[in-house]
Protein backbone atom coordinates (compact mmCIF):
# COMPACT_ATOMS: atom_id res chain seq x y z
CA MET A 1 0.00 0.00 0.00
CA LYS A 2 2.79 2.35 0.96
CA ARG A 3 4.69 1.65 -2.24
CA THR A 4 1.58 2.47 -4.28
CA GLU A 5 1.32 5.84 -2.51
CA HIS A 6 4.94 6.62 -3.28
CA ARG A 7 4.48 5.72 -6.93
CA SER A 8 1.47 8.00 -7.04
CA GLY A 9 3.63 10.77 -5.58
CA GLN A 10 6.32 10.01 -8.15
CA GLY A 11 3.74 10.34 -10.92
CA ARG A 12 2.66 13.69 -9.54
CA GLU A 13 6.29 14.79 -9.45
CA GLN A 14 6.62 14.12 -13.18
CA TYR A 15 4.09 16.86 -13.90
CA LYS A 16 6.22 19.39 -12.03
CA ARG A 17 8.50 19.94 -15.01
CA MET A 18 5.46 20.38 -17.24
CA VAL A 19 3.96 22.99 -14.90
CA THR A 20 7.29 24.84 -14.70
CA PHE A 21 7.76 24.64 -18.48
CA PHE A 22 4.37 26.06 -19.39
CA SER A 23 4.57 28.84 -16.79
CA SER A 24 8.02 29.76 -18.17
CA VAL A 25 6.68 29.79 -21.73
CA ILE A 26 3.90 32.16 -20.67
CA LEU A 27 6.43 34.47 -19.01
CA MET A 28 8.76 34.50 -22.01
CA GLY A 29 5.74 35.16 -24.24
CA PHE A 30 4.77 38.27 -22.27
CA LEU A 31 8.35 39.60 -22.23
CA THR A 32 8.70 38.97 -25.98
CA LEU A 33 5.42 40.81 -26.71
CA LEU A 34 6.60 43.81 -24.67
CA PHE A 35 9.82 43.98 -26.66
CA ALA A 36 8.02 43.48 -29.98
CA ASN A 37 5.75 46.39 -29.15
CA THR A 38 8.72 48.58 -28.21
CA TRP A 39 10.60 47.58 -31.37
CA TYR A 40 7.76 48.32 -33.77
CA THR A 41 6.61 51.46 -31.93
CA ASP A 42 9.90 53.19 -31.14
CA TYR A 43 12.83 51.71 -33.08
CA TYR A 44 11.65 50.12 -36.32
CA ASP A 45 11.24 53.41 -38.20
CA THR A 46 14.32 55.08 -36.76
CA ILE A 47 16.98 52.86 -38.33
CA ALA A 48 18.53 53.92 -41.62
CA LEU A 49 17.35 50.89 -43.62
CA PRO A 50 14.19 49.40 -42.02
CA PHE A 51 14.02 45.61 -42.03
CA TYR A 52 11.52 43.62 -43.98
CA ARG A 53 9.12 41.34 -42.09
CA ARG A 54 11.56 38.47 -41.48
CA GLY A 55 14.30 40.85 -40.38
CA ASN A 56 12.05 42.18 -37.64
CA TRP A 57 11.20 38.66 -36.57
CA VAL A 58 14.92 37.84 -36.28
CA VAL A 59 15.49 40.84 -33.98
CA ILE A 60 12.60 39.73 -31.75
CA VAL A 61 13.79 36.09 -31.71
CA ILE A 62 17.31 37.21 -30.76
CA TYR A 63 15.86 39.18 -27.85
CA THR A 64 13.94 36.11 -26.65
CA VAL A 65 17.00 33.86 -26.91
CA VAL A 66 19.23 36.31 -25.02
CA MET A 67 16.58 36.71 -22.31
CA TYR A 68 16.21 32.93 -22.04
CA LEU A 69 19.98 32.46 -21.66
CA PHE A 70 20.19 35.08 -18.91
CA PHE A 71 17.27 33.45 -17.10
CA ARG A 72 18.92 30.03 -17.35
CA VAL A 73 22.24 31.28 -16.00
CA TYR A 74 20.77 33.25 -13.08
CA GLY A 75 17.98 30.81 -12.21
CA GLY A 76 15.08 33.07 -13.16
CA PHE A 77 12.85 30.10 -13.93
CA LYS A 78 13.46 28.33 -10.60
CA VAL A 79 10.16 29.15 -8.97
CA GLY A 80 9.65 26.78 -6.06
CA TYR A 81 13.33 25.89 -5.93
CA LEU A 82 14.70 29.32 -4.97
CA ARG A 83 13.18 31.71 -2.47
CA ARG A 84 10.87 34.34 -3.92
CA THR A 85 13.34 37.19 -3.34
CA ASP A 86 16.16 35.19 -4.97
CA VAL A 87 13.97 34.50 -8.01
CA LEU A 88 13.06 38.19 -8.33
CA PHE A 89 16.72 39.26 -7.97
CA SER A 90 17.69 36.74 -10.67
CA GLN A 91 14.94 37.90 -12.99
CA ALA A 92 15.70 41.59 -12.49
CA LEU A 93 19.38 41.01 -13.25
CA SER A 94 18.40 39.00 -16.35
CA VAL A 95 16.14 41.79 -17.60
CA PHE A 96 18.79 44.48 -17.06
CA GLY A 97 21.45 42.35 -18.76
CA THR A 98 19.23 41.49 -21.73
CA ASN A 99 18.03 45.06 -22.23
CA LEU A 100 21.58 46.41 -22.08
CA VAL A 101 22.68 43.94 -24.76
CA THR A 102 19.56 44.75 -26.82
CA TYR A 103 20.10 48.52 -26.57
CA LEU A 104 23.66 48.11 -27.88
CA GLN A 105 22.40 45.78 -30.61
CA VAL A 106 19.69 48.22 -31.76
CA SER A 107 22.18 51.11 -31.66
CA LEU A 108 24.55 49.07 -33.82
CA ILE A 109 21.78 48.39 -36.33
CA ALA A 110 20.83 52.09 -36.38
CA ARG A 111 24.52 53.10 -36.64
CA ASN A 112 23.97 55.57 -33.83
CA PHE A 113 22.89 55.55 -30.20
CA VAL A 114 19.10 55.35 -30.21
CA ARG A 115 16.78 56.84 -27.58
CA LEU A 116 17.13 55.14 -24.22
CA ALA A 117 13.69 56.10 -22.85
CA PRO A 118 11.70 53.34 -24.64
CA ILE A 119 14.04 50.63 -23.30
CA LEU A 120 13.73 52.05 -19.78
CA GLU A 121 9.92 52.17 -20.00
CA MET A 122 9.89 48.58 -21.26
CA THR A 123 12.18 47.52 -18.40
CA VAL A 124 9.77 48.96 -15.82
CA LEU A 125 6.83 47.11 -17.41
CA GLU A 126 8.82 43.89 -17.57
CA LEU A 127 9.73 44.14 -13.89
CA ALA A 128 6.04 44.57 -13.04
CA VAL A 129 5.20 41.47 -15.11
CA LEU A 130 7.96 39.51 -13.35
CA VAL A 131 6.69 40.40 -9.87
CA LEU A 132 3.14 39.41 -10.80
CA TRP A 133 4.27 36.17 -12.48
CA THR A 134 6.54 35.14 -9.61
CA VAL A 135 3.87 35.70 -6.96
CA LEU A 136 1.19 33.83 -8.91
CA ALA A 137 3.51 31.02 -10.08
CA GLN A 138 4.77 30.36 -6.56
CA LYS A 139 1.25 30.28 -5.15
CA VAL A 140 0.18 27.74 -7.78
CA TYR A 141 3.40 25.75 -7.33
CA PHE A 142 3.06 25.37 -3.57
CA VAL A 143 -0.62 24.50 -3.83
CA LEU A 144 0.24 21.70 -6.24
CA TYR A 145 3.47 20.71 -4.48
CA PRO A 146 3.37 21.41 -0.73
CA PRO A 147 6.50 20.93 1.42
CA ARG A 148 7.81 17.38 1.53
CA ARG A 149 7.63 15.56 4.85
CA LEU A 150 11.14 14.29 5.53
CA ILE A 151 13.03 12.21 8.07
CA ILE A 152 16.77 12.56 8.69
CA VAL A 153 19.00 9.56 9.43
CA TYR A 154 22.17 10.90 11.04
CA GLY A 155 25.43 9.54 12.32
CA SER A 156 26.90 12.53 14.12
CA PRO A 157 25.74 15.79 15.74
CA SER A 158 27.09 17.72 12.73
CA ALA A 159 23.76 16.87 11.08
CA ALA A 160 22.23 19.70 13.11
CA ALA A 161 23.85 22.26 10.79
CA LEU A 162 22.17 20.64 7.76
CA VAL A 163 18.81 20.56 9.55
CA THR A 164 19.19 24.26 10.30
CA LYS A 165 19.82 25.10 6.64
CA MET A 166 16.93 23.00 5.35
CA SER A 167 14.62 24.40 8.03
CA MET A 168 15.18 27.84 6.53
CA ARG A 169 13.12 26.62 3.57
CA VAL A 170 9.92 25.54 5.32
CA ASP A 171 8.17 26.15 2.02
CA LYS A 172 10.05 23.17 0.53
CA TYR A 173 11.20 20.91 3.36
CA MET A 174 9.35 19.79 6.48
CA ILE A 175 11.74 17.76 8.64
CA CYS A 176 9.35 15.86 10.88
CA GLU A 177 11.57 13.33 12.60
CA SER A 178 15.20 12.39 13.19
CA VAL A 179 16.60 8.93 13.84
CA SER A 180 20.13 7.94 14.82
CA ALA A 181 22.08 5.44 12.75
CA VAL A 182 22.63 3.37 15.91
CA LYS A 183 18.99 2.28 15.76
CA ASP A 184 18.04 -1.09 14.30
CA TYR A 185 18.13 -1.01 10.48
CA ALA A 186 14.63 -2.52 10.15
CA VAL A 187 13.22 0.14 12.47
CA ILE A 188 14.88 2.90 10.43
CA CYS A 189 13.42 1.51 7.17
CA GLU A 190 9.97 1.29 8.71
CA LYS A 191 10.15 4.92 9.80
CA ILE A 192 11.43 6.08 6.40
CA LEU A 193 8.38 4.60 4.65
CA GLN A 194 6.15 6.95 6.64
CA TYR A 195 7.56 10.02 4.89
CA ASP A 196 8.00 11.53 1.42
CA GLY A 197 11.77 11.36 1.55
CA VAL A 198 14.86 10.84 3.68
CA ILE A 199 17.99 12.86 4.43
CA ILE A 200 21.05 10.61 4.78
CA GLN A 201 23.82 12.39 6.64
CA ASP A 202 27.19 11.15 7.86
CA ILE A 203 26.35 7.47 8.52
CA PRO A 204 28.53 4.32 8.25
CA ALA A 205 29.28 3.08 4.73
CA LYS A 206 27.30 -0.18 4.86
CA MET A 207 24.13 1.48 6.13
CA HIS A 208 24.68 4.33 3.65
CA ASN A 209 24.76 1.88 0.74
CA ASP A 210 21.82 -0.15 2.03
CA LEU A 211 19.62 2.92 2.53
CA VAL A 212 20.42 4.29 -0.92
CA LYS A 213 19.34 0.98 -2.48
CA PHE A 214 16.29 0.82 -0.20
CA CYS A 215 15.17 4.28 -1.36
CA PHE A 216 15.77 3.33 -4.99
CA ASP A 217 13.69 0.18 -4.60
CA HIS A 218 10.80 2.10 -3.00
CA GLN A 219 11.09 5.12 -5.34
CA LEU A 220 11.72 7.40 -2.38
CA ARG A 221 13.48 10.74 -2.70
CA ALA A 222 16.85 10.75 -0.86
CA TYR A 223 18.95 13.79 0.05
CA ILE A 224 22.53 12.63 0.64
CA THR A 225 25.48 14.64 1.95
CA PRO A 226 28.37 13.45 -0.22
CA LYS A 227 31.72 12.34 1.08
CA ILE A 228 34.89 13.40 -0.74
CA SER A 229 35.08 9.95 -2.35
CA ASP A 230 31.50 10.35 -3.65
CA ILE A 231 32.42 13.63 -5.35
CA ILE A 232 35.51 12.08 -6.96
CA LEU A 233 33.33 9.25 -8.32
CA ARG A 234 31.00 11.82 -9.92
CA GLY A 235 33.85 12.78 -12.23
CA ALA A 236 34.63 9.20 -13.20
CA GLU A 237 34.44 7.96 -16.78
CA ASP A 238 32.24 4.99 -17.65
CA ILE A 239 34.24 2.22 -19.34
CA ARG A 240 33.60 -1.48 -20.01
CA LEU A 241 36.03 -4.37 -19.74
CA PHE A 242 34.35 -7.02 -21.92
CA ASP A 243 31.06 -7.50 -20.03
CA THR A 244 32.17 -5.81 -16.79
CA PRO A 245 31.35 -2.10 -16.21
CA LEU A 246 34.12 -0.01 -14.65
CA LEU A 247 34.47 3.54 -13.38
CA LEU A 248 37.77 5.20 -14.27
CA CYS A 249 38.96 8.04 -12.00
CA ARG A 250 41.93 9.66 -13.76
CA ASN A 251 42.69 11.89 -10.74
CA TYR A 252 45.08 14.29 -12.45
CA GLY A 253 42.91 17.39 -12.63
CA LEU A 254 42.13 18.88 -16.04
CA THR A 255 43.20 17.31 -19.32
CA PHE A 256 45.70 19.07 -21.62
CA GLU A 257 42.88 20.23 -23.91
CA GLN A 258 40.90 21.60 -20.95
CA ARG A 259 43.96 23.45 -19.58
CA LEU A 260 44.63 24.96 -23.01
CA LEU A 261 41.01 26.08 -23.41
CA LYS A 262 40.93 27.46 -19.88
CA ARG A 263 44.14 29.43 -20.40
CA GLY A 264 42.77 30.96 -23.59
CA PHE A 265 39.63 32.02 -21.75
CA ASP A 266 41.74 33.46 -18.91
CA LEU A 267 43.80 35.60 -21.29
CA VAL A 268 40.81 36.96 -23.21
CA PHE A 269 38.90 37.66 -20.00
CA SER A 270 41.74 39.36 -18.10
CA ILE A 271 42.89 41.54 -21.00
CA THR A 272 39.33 42.63 -21.82
CA LEU A 273 38.49 43.48 -18.21
CA LEU A 274 41.76 45.32 -17.64
CA ILE A 275 40.95 47.54 -20.63
CA LEU A 276 37.35 48.14 -19.59
CA LEU A 277 37.89 48.51 -15.83
CA THR A 278 41.04 50.64 -15.74
CA PRO A 279 39.06 53.84 -14.87
CA LEU A 280 37.25 52.02 -12.04
CA MET A 281 40.51 50.57 -10.73
CA LEU A 282 42.07 54.05 -10.69
CA VAL A 283 39.11 55.34 -8.66
CA CYS A 284 39.49 52.45 -6.20
CA ALA A 285 43.22 53.10 -5.87
CA ALA A 286 42.64 56.80 -5.19
CA ALA A 287 39.97 56.01 -2.57
CA VAL A 288 42.29 53.61 -0.72
CA LYS A 289 45.13 56.17 -0.73
CA LEU A 290 42.95 59.07 0.42
CA CYS A 291 41.36 56.99 3.20
CA ASP A 292 44.45 56.68 5.43
CA GLY A 293 47.48 57.50 3.25
CA GLY A 294 48.73 53.90 3.32
CA PRO A 295 49.80 51.74 0.37
CA VAL A 296 47.18 51.07 -2.33
CA LEU A 297 47.98 47.43 -3.04
CA TYR A 298 48.32 44.54 -0.63
CA ARG A 299 50.57 41.59 -1.51
CA GLN A 300 50.20 38.24 0.21
CA LYS A 301 51.65 34.76 -0.32
CA ARG A 302 49.06 32.20 -1.44
CA LEU A 303 49.07 28.72 -2.97
CA THR A 304 47.98 27.71 -6.47
CA LEU A 305 48.25 24.63 -8.73
CA GLY A 306 50.32 21.87 -7.14
CA GLY A 307 50.86 23.89 -3.95
CA LYS A 308 53.09 26.40 -5.75
CA PRO A 309 53.37 29.68 -3.77
CA PHE A 310 52.77 33.05 -5.44
CA PHE A 311 51.94 36.61 -4.36
CA VAL A 312 48.33 37.61 -4.85
CA TYR A 313 47.47 41.30 -5.42
CA LYS A 314 44.51 43.07 -3.83
CA PHE A 315 43.42 46.60 -3.12
CA ARG A 316 44.21 47.09 0.57
CA SER A 317 40.95 46.89 2.53
CA MET A 318 42.40 46.70 6.06
CA ILE A 319 44.41 49.05 8.22
CA VAL A 320 48.19 49.08 7.78
CA ASN A 321 49.90 46.30 9.78
CA ALA A 322 46.57 44.51 10.30
CA GLU A 323 48.34 41.22 11.03
CA THR A 324 50.88 42.34 13.57
CA HIS A 325 49.82 39.45 15.80
CA GLY A 326 50.01 36.84 13.05
CA ALA A 327 47.80 35.49 10.27
CA GLN A 328 44.08 35.34 10.96
CA LEU A 329 40.99 35.02 8.79
CA ALA A 330 38.87 38.14 8.31
CA GLU A 331 35.44 38.10 9.89
CA GLU A 332 32.27 39.70 8.55
CA HIS A 333 32.40 42.60 11.04
CA ASP A 334 36.18 42.80 11.44
CA ASP A 335 37.24 46.11 13.01
CA ARG A 336 40.51 45.99 11.04
CA ILE A 337 38.60 46.73 7.80
CA THR A 338 38.67 50.39 6.74
CA PRO A 339 35.49 52.27 5.64
CA VAL A 340 36.69 52.22 2.03
CA GLY A 341 37.66 48.57 2.46
CA ARG A 342 34.10 47.64 3.46
CA VAL A 343 32.76 49.08 0.21
CA LEU A 344 35.45 47.35 -1.83
CA ARG A 345 34.76 44.02 -0.14
CA ARG A 346 30.99 44.45 -0.42
CA PHE A 347 31.21 44.57 -4.23
CA ARG A 348 34.36 42.38 -4.53
CA LEU A 349 36.29 45.32 -6.00
CA ASP A 350 39.31 44.62 -3.80
CA GLU A 351 39.96 41.52 -5.94
CA LEU A 352 40.35 43.39 -9.25
CA PRO A 353 44.19 43.59 -9.17
CA GLN A 354 44.18 39.79 -9.38
CA LEU A 355 43.52 40.25 -13.09
CA PHE A 356 47.29 40.77 -13.30
CA ASN A 357 47.83 37.43 -11.52
CA ILE A 358 45.59 35.82 -14.15
CA LEU A 359 47.52 37.51 -16.96
CA LYS A 360 50.80 36.17 -15.50
CA GLY A 361 49.37 32.63 -15.37
CA GLU A 362 49.49 32.33 -11.58
CA MET A 363 45.70 32.23 -11.28
CA SER A 364 42.68 31.40 -13.38
CA VAL A 365 39.41 33.30 -13.72
CA VAL A 366 37.49 30.43 -12.12
CA GLY A 367 38.86 28.01 -9.56
CA PRO A 368 39.21 27.45 -5.82
CA ARG A 369 40.05 30.68 -4.01
CA PRO A 370 43.77 30.75 -3.06
CA GLU A 371 44.60 30.23 0.60
CA ARG A 372 47.67 31.20 2.62
CA PRO A 373 50.23 28.42 3.25
CA GLU A 374 49.84 28.58 7.04
CA ILE A 375 46.03 28.44 6.83
CA CYS A 376 46.18 25.52 4.36
CA GLU A 377 48.46 23.74 6.81
CA GLU A 378 45.95 24.21 9.63
CA TYR A 379 43.05 22.96 7.50
CA GLU A 380 45.03 19.92 6.36
CA LYS A 381 45.60 18.94 9.99
CA GLN A 382 41.82 18.82 10.41
CA PHE A 383 41.01 17.21 7.04
CA PRO A 384 43.94 16.14 4.80
CA GLU A 385 41.70 16.24 1.72
CA PHE A 386 41.98 20.04 1.69
CA ARG A 387 45.04 19.75 -0.56
CA PHE A 388 42.90 18.12 -3.29
CA ARG A 389 41.71 21.58 -4.35
CA LEU A 390 45.27 22.31 -5.55
CA HIS A 391 44.73 20.03 -8.57
CA VAL A 392 43.82 23.20 -10.53
CA LYS A 393 44.95 26.82 -10.45
CA ALA A 394 43.50 29.13 -7.84
CA GLY A 395 40.70 31.35 -9.16
CA LEU A 396 39.50 34.93 -9.00
CA THR A 397 36.05 33.48 -8.36
CA GLY A 398 34.76 29.97 -7.88
CA TYR A 399 31.80 27.66 -7.47
CA ALA A 400 32.04 27.88 -3.67
CA GLN A 401 31.94 31.68 -3.85
CA VAL A 402 28.75 31.90 -5.94
CA THR A 403 26.85 29.15 -4.11
CA GLY A 404 28.04 29.46 -0.52
CA ALA A 405 27.39 32.02 2.20
CA TYR A 406 29.86 34.21 4.09
CA ASP A 407 30.08 31.68 6.93
CA THR A 408 30.16 28.48 4.83
CA THR A 409 32.51 26.03 6.56
CA PRO A 410 35.92 25.25 4.99
CA TYR A 411 34.90 21.61 4.55
CA ASP A 412 31.75 22.53 2.63
CA LYS A 413 33.80 24.93 0.46
CA LEU A 414 36.23 22.09 -0.21
CA ARG A 415 33.40 19.83 -1.38
CA MET A 416 32.03 22.53 -3.68
CA ASP A 417 35.52 23.18 -5.11
CA LEU A 418 35.92 19.47 -5.82
CA MET A 419 32.49 19.36 -7.47
CA TYR A 420 33.74 22.10 -9.81
CA ILE A 421 37.02 20.30 -10.56
CA GLU A 422 35.32 16.97 -11.27
CA SER A 423 32.74 18.50 -13.63
CA TYR A 424 34.77 21.27 -15.28
CA SER A 425 33.65 22.77 -18.59
CA LEU A 426 34.13 26.13 -20.29
CA LEU A 427 30.37 26.73 -20.14
CA LYS A 428 30.47 26.21 -16.38
CA ASP A 429 33.26 28.80 -16.14
CA ILE A 430 31.16 31.32 -18.06
CA GLN A 431 28.14 30.58 -15.87
CA ILE A 432 30.17 31.07 -12.67
CA VAL A 433 31.52 34.38 -13.98
CA LEU A 434 27.98 35.61 -14.65
CA MET A 435 26.83 34.33 -11.26
CA THR A 436 29.66 36.29 -9.65
CA VAL A 437 28.05 39.49 -10.90
CA LYS A 438 24.83 38.50 -9.16
CA THR A 439 26.67 37.58 -5.96
CA ALA A 440 28.49 40.92 -5.94
CA ILE A 441 25.19 42.81 -6.25
CA PHE A 442 23.08 40.51 -4.05
CA PRO A 443 25.52 38.85 -1.62
CA SER A 444 24.50 35.72 0.29
CA GLN A 445 23.44 36.24 3.87
CA PRO A 446 25.12 34.35 6.76
CA LEU A 447 23.35 31.20 7.79
CA PHE A 448 21.54 30.95 11.11
CA THR A 449 23.50 29.30 13.87
CA GLU A 450 20.66 28.45 16.25
CA LEU A 451 19.18 24.98 15.97
CA PRO A 452 15.54 24.09 15.39
CA GLY A 453 13.54 22.05 17.89
CA ILE A 454 14.76 18.71 16.61
CA GLU A 455 17.01 16.65 18.84
CA LEU A 456 20.33 15.50 17.37
CA THR A 457 22.35 14.69 20.44
CA ASP A 458 23.61 11.14 19.92
CA LYS A 459 27.42 11.32 19.76
CA LYS A 460 28.11 7.60 19.63
CA THR A 461 28.01 7.10 15.88
CA ARG A 462 30.57 8.75 13.62
CA THR A 463 31.52 7.36 10.27
CA PRO A 464 35.20 6.38 9.90
CA ASP A 465 35.04 6.36 6.10
CA ASP A 466 35.98 9.96 5.42
CA PRO A 467 38.34 11.69 7.90
CA GLY A 468 37.27 15.10 6.68
CA ASP A 469 33.70 14.53 7.81
CA LYS A 470 34.86 14.61 11.40
CA GLN A 471 35.96 18.23 11.06
CA ARG A 472 33.43 19.73 8.69
CA ASN A 473 32.41 22.29 11.29
CA ALA A 474 35.95 23.39 12.03
């Protein structure tokens, strides 16, 4: 009986993509109609050689495609997955980006800068449509798909941090019960069948494998916190030895072709941005100098590919001699940060001089953020896997920076960095660069530290399979 209910739920889940697809089509249709109206009303007659019918259609289709790509990159279609404010921020950024590209495109066609007012008026109307669509779409979504009732199976008290994060999304997750991995396996399975899904966190390997197969057999949704070994396996290549399937983990970072492509992207990106952002960098330099008269740039030893040390450049955001008492990580409200430094950090402008590091080949545009040798040494004492992130060059931005929060733990950042390394592609680099713009404008908020009213106090069970798991909250 229970299995039938779960299959019914699975069937209902299959319609979710259809609901999301049709609501997205409706949204794109409205935005396209608004642009078509603006094009025919304000720009069509102003260009030197007006297009014929198909030419106008091409301009409108290009607008729709560009808007769609921006929405895909920033998550503008993820109603129900992201919080309402995050969806609106993503959509607003997509609209501004698309309309900027479109204004330059129309000006290029007209061979002169066209009037900006029609684009601005259209932008305001589009933002109004987006707010209305997001509110209505989320209401419909959560009526059709209410929060899932979940149970968490945990092996250590560190699971409390995950519960806290998921409890921040009560619109999606309803954690109703927790059960320790020391309980009898049959009892755990019986409890799991009472819910819509299970969270598997930090439990012994055998039980981990058994529960994953149990959920697969019963078509139950499972949320699993991956170990380092799990992430490495995600990057494995499927091969076959006669009739035996194998997973091949090459474990040497990026291939020669990937490194060559990445270096080409780094050069084009750094040279282009240095040309475009030189005026802004001069303003930042002047602001730092006028603030307290100290040096403009700050040079610090960091580690990159293979653990090779190099000196990273940054606009100085702290007081002179901020580390008189030794190396220490900056905190969110660090009193060593200058007023100008707070602004630079808020919009990530202090990192701009690292474009020269990229040009020199010491860093890449995208990759794990470089750490200081002494801090790396401390982290490696807690979880030796921290050195795995040195399989690629350090980056100006990274997957952990666009998906994490200010207070994301070093171990979670390590896992996100490894996810990037094991699934690298040039398209992913471009997406992370665009997401960095969003993060700079709408930075992630720190996560709550208080725990919800769910008891996770059993300290007996701790998995020995991944040493890093023991220190993920360090």
